[in-house]
Amino acid sequence: MMQGLWYKVPADLFNSPYITKADMAVFAYVADRLKDDERAVSLRSIQAATELSRRQVQLSLHKLVECRFLSATERPGRSTLYKQLLIPKRRKEAGDDEYTVEPSISAHIKDTHVG
């Protein structure tokens, strides 16, 4: 899987009891491709990078949207647009790689992950 490349996975995603390793791999690849934009990412490219089946990629994308780690904009007859909802912290130090959770996701996590 992805020899020679490393992707960052935010701690909130990594520590979620609902997210599998396959979901993390899909998120890491998609988030790397999206940066801070909203765009389409091909299932074929995700499959190739993660070595997951097409169905598993689809399930992972659906779960990541359902858990509000990604947003999806359906476009009839065209590819779905994705945007990551975990955003980097804005700090003055260059190279800081910590992440923060968008307020809507924080509220969702508090509501669904009690205890």
C-alpha atoms as a PDB file:
ATOM      1  CA  MET A   1       0.000   0.000   0.000  1.00  0.00           C
ATOM      2  CA  MET A   2       1.260   3.489  -0.967  1.00  0.00           C
ATOM      3  CA  GLN A   3       4.953   2.602  -0.870  1.00  0.00           C
ATOM      4  CA  GLY A   4       7.215   5.509  -0.020  1.00  0.00           C
ATOM      5  CA  LEU A   5       4.372   7.927   0.708  1.00  0.00           C
ATOM      6  CA  TRP A   6       3.073   8.998   4.112  1.00  0.00           C
ATOM      7  CA  TYR A   7      -0.231  10.670   4.802  1.00  0.00           C
ATOM      8  CA  LYS A   8      -1.326  12.433   7.999  1.00  0.00           C
ATOM      9  CA  VAL A   9      -4.490  11.293   9.747  1.00  0.00           C
ATOM     10  CA  PRO A  10      -5.967  13.709  12.302  1.00  0.00           C
ATOM     11  CA  ALA A  11      -6.240  12.330  15.838  1.00  0.00           C
ATOM     12  CA  ASP A  12     -10.031  12.846  15.947  1.00  0.00           C
ATOM     13  CA  LEU A  13     -10.406  10.534  12.971  1.00  0.00           C
ATOM     14  CA  PHE A  14      -7.826   8.056  14.266  1.00  0.00           C
ATOM     15  CA  ASN A  15      -9.459   7.837  17.709  1.00  0.00           C
ATOM     16  CA  SER A  16     -13.036   7.483  16.465  1.00  0.00           C
ATOM     17  CA  PRO A  17     -14.480   4.069  17.396  1.00  0.00           C
ATOM     18  CA  TYR A  18     -16.562   4.108  14.191  1.00  0.00           C
ATOM     19  CA  ILE A  19     -13.700   4.552  11.741  1.00  0.00           C
ATOM     20  CA  THR A  20     -11.843   1.517  10.374  1.00  0.00           C
ATOM     21  CA  LYS A  21      -8.328   1.358   8.957  1.00  0.00           C
ATOM     22  CA  ALA A  22      -9.853   1.278   5.476  1.00  0.00           C
ATOM     23  CA  ASP A  23     -11.797   4.465   6.249  1.00  0.00           C
ATOM     24  CA  MET A  24      -8.603   6.138   7.482  1.00  0.00           C
ATOM     25  CA  ALA A  25      -6.748   5.159   4.313  1.00  0.00           C
ATOM     26  CA  VAL A  26      -9.543   6.568   2.153  1.00  0.00           C
ATOM     27  CA  PHE A  27      -9.704   9.793   4.208  1.00  0.00           C
ATOM     28  CA  ALA A  28      -5.928  10.289   4.093  1.00  0.00           C
ATOM     29  CA  TYR A  29      -5.790   9.857   0.325  1.00  0.00           C
ATOM     30  CA  VAL A  30      -8.850  12.010  -0.369  1.00  0.00           C
ATOM     31  CA  ALA A  31      -7.803  14.780   2.057  1.00  0.00           C
ATOM     32  CA  ASP A  32      -4.355  14.894   0.440  1.00  0.00           C
ATOM     33  CA  ARG A  33      -5.948  15.329  -2.981  1.00  0.00           C
ATOM     34  CA  LEU A  34      -8.492  17.915  -1.827  1.00  0.00           C
ATOM     35  CA  LYS A  35      -6.197  20.166   0.225  1.00  0.00           C
ATOM     36  CA  ASP A  36      -8.625  22.993   1.148  1.00  0.00           C
ATOM     37  CA  ASP A  37     -10.737  22.724  -2.026  1.00  0.00           C
ATOM     38  CA  GLU A  38     -13.965  21.018  -2.916  1.00  0.00           C
ATOM     39  CA  ARG A  39     -13.453  18.704  -5.884  1.00  0.00           C
ATOM     40  CA  ALA A  40     -14.164  15.290  -7.331  1.00  0.00           C
ATOM     41  CA  VAL A  41     -11.813  12.409  -6.558  1.00  0.00           C
ATOM     42  CA  SER A  42     -12.045   9.314  -8.726  1.00  0.00           C
ATOM     43  CA  LEU A  43     -12.917   5.996  -7.119  1.00  0.00           C
ATOM     44  CA  ARG A  44     -10.345   4.354  -9.383  1.00  0.00           C
ATOM     45  CA  SER A  45      -7.511   6.527  -8.037  1.00  0.00           C
ATOM     46  CA  ILE A  46      -8.590   5.875  -4.425  1.00  0.00           C
ATOM     47  CA  GLN A  47      -8.739   2.130  -5.168  1.00  0.00           C
ATOM     48  CA  ALA A  48      -5.269   2.161  -6.717  1.00  0.00           C
ATOM     49  CA  ALA A  49      -3.704   4.070  -3.826  1.00  0.00           C
ATOM     50  CA  THR A  50      -5.382   2.169  -0.996  1.00  0.00           C
ATOM     51  CA  GLU A  51      -5.652  -1.278  -2.626  1.00  0.00           C
ATOM     52  CA  LEU A  52      -9.282  -1.513  -1.483  1.00  0.00           C
ATOM     53  CA  SER A  53     -12.217  -2.784  -3.529  1.00  0.00           C
ATOM     54  CA  ARG A  54     -14.506  -0.332  -5.274  1.00  0.00           C
ATOM     55  CA  ARG A  55     -17.315  -1.283  -2.879  1.00  0.00           C
ATOM     56  CA  GLN A  56     -15.113  -0.718   0.209  1.00  0.00           C
ATOM     57  CA  VAL A  57     -14.067   2.701  -1.104  1.00  0.00           C
ATOM     58  CA  GLN A  58     -17.728   3.608  -1.639  1.00  0.00           C
ATOM     59  CA  LEU A  59     -18.658   2.398   1.867  1.00  0.00           C
ATOM     60  CA  SER A  60     -15.750   4.311   3.424  1.00  0.00           C
ATOM     61  CA  LEU A  61     -16.660   7.527   1.608  1.00  0.00           C
ATOM     62  CA  HIS A  62     -20.274   7.156   2.721  1.00  0.00           C
ATOM     63  CA  LYS A  63     -19.216   6.576   6.355  1.00  0.00           C
ATOM     64  CA  LEU A  64     -16.793   9.521   6.324  1.00  0.00           C
ATOM     65  CA  VAL A  65     -19.593  11.774   5.055  1.00  0.00           C
ATOM     66  CA  GLU A  66     -22.073  10.325   7.557  1.00  0.00           C
ATOM     67  CA  CYS A  67     -19.618  10.919  10.430  1.00  0.00           C
ATOM     68  CA  ARG A  68     -18.985  14.445   9.079  1.00  0.00           C
ATOM     69  CA  PHE A  69     -15.280  14.047   8.359  1.00  0.00           C
ATOM     70  CA  LEU A  70     -16.016  14.792   4.678  1.00  0.00           C
ATOM     71  CA  SER A  71     -18.869  16.629   3.001  1.00  0.00           C
ATOM     72  CA  ALA A  72     -20.318  15.473  -0.303  1.00  0.00           C
ATOM     73  CA  THR A  73     -22.168  17.454  -2.941  1.00  0.00           C
ATOM     74  CA  GLU A  74     -24.093  15.142  -5.258  1.00  0.00           C
ATOM     75  CA  ARG A  75     -24.254  16.230  -8.890  1.00  0.00           C
ATOM     76  CA  PRO A  76     -26.711  14.205 -11.015  1.00  0.00           C
ATOM     77  CA  GLY A  77     -24.927  12.731 -14.013  1.00  0.00           C
ATOM     78  CA  ARG A  78     -21.531  13.948 -12.796  1.00  0.00           C
ATOM     79  CA  SER A  79     -18.970  13.033 -10.149  1.00  0.00           C
ATOM     80  CA  THR A  80     -19.668  13.827  -6.502  1.00  0.00           C
ATOM     81  CA  LEU A  81     -17.673  16.738  -5.064  1.00  0.00           C
ATOM     82  CA  TYR A  82     -15.960  16.138  -1.712  1.00  0.00           C
ATOM     83  CA  LYS A  83     -14.525  18.542   0.839  1.00  0.00           C
ATOM     84  CA  GLN A  84     -12.713  17.649   4.040  1.00  0.00           C
ATOM     85  CA  LEU A  85     -14.223  19.069   7.207  1.00  0.00           C
ATOM     86  CA  LEU A  86     -11.198  18.568   9.481  1.00  0.00           C
ATOM     87  CA  ILE A  87      -9.240  21.736   8.978  1.00  0.00           C
ATOM     88  CA  PRO A  88      -5.648  22.593   9.937  1.00  0.00           C
ATOM     89  CA  LYS A  89      -5.133  24.853  12.947  1.00  0.00           C
ATOM     90  CA  ARG A  90      -4.114  28.310  11.914  1.00  0.00           C
ATOM     91  CA  ARG A  91      -0.860  29.011  13.722  1.00  0.00           C
ATOM     92  CA  LYS A  92       2.005  31.370  13.088  1.00  0.00           C
ATOM     93  CA  GLU A  93       4.663  28.645  13.265  1.00  0.00           C
ATOM     94  CA  ALA A  94       5.441  27.292   9.808  1.00  0.00           C
ATOM     95  CA  GLY A  95       5.219  23.541   9.416  1.00  0.00           C
ATOM     96  CA  ASP A  96       2.707  23.004  12.236  1.00  0.00           C
ATOM     97  CA  ASP A  97       0.760  19.880  11.370  1.00  0.00           C
ATOM     98  CA  GLU A  98      -1.872  19.794  14.118  1.00  0.00           C
ATOM     99  CA  TYR A  99      -5.539  19.701  13.225  1.00  0.00           C
ATOM    100  CA  THR A 100      -8.666  21.122  14.727  1.00  0.00           C
ATOM    101  CA  VAL A 101     -12.250  20.131  14.222  1.00  0.00           C
ATOM    102  CA  GLU A 102     -14.741  22.416  12.511  1.00  0.00           C
ATOM    103  CA  PRO A 103     -17.359  23.581  15.086  1.00  0.00           C
ATOM    104  CA  SER A 104     -20.190  21.635  13.421  1.00  0.00           C
ATOM    105  CA  ILE A 105     -18.146  18.442  13.716  1.00  0.00           C
ATOM    106  CA  SER A 106     -17.309  19.147  17.367  1.00  0.00           C
ATOM    107  CA  ALA A 107     -21.019  19.421  18.130  1.00  0.00           C
ATOM    108  CA  HIS A 108     -21.713  16.211  16.221  1.00  0.00           C
ATOM    109  CA  ILE A 109     -18.961  14.335  18.070  1.00  0.00           C
ATOM    110  CA  LYS A 110     -20.208  15.549  21.465  1.00  0.00           C
ATOM    111  CA  ASP A 111     -23.768  14.499  20.587  1.00  0.00           C
ATOM    112  CA  THR A 112     -22.885  11.035  19.286  1.00  0.00           C
ATOM    113  CA  HIS A 113     -19.814  10.024  21.352  1.00  0.00           C
ATOM    114  CA  VAL A 114     -20.948  10.516  24.930  1.00  0.00           C
ATOM    115  CA  GLY A 115     -18.721   8.992  27.609  1.00  0.00           C
END
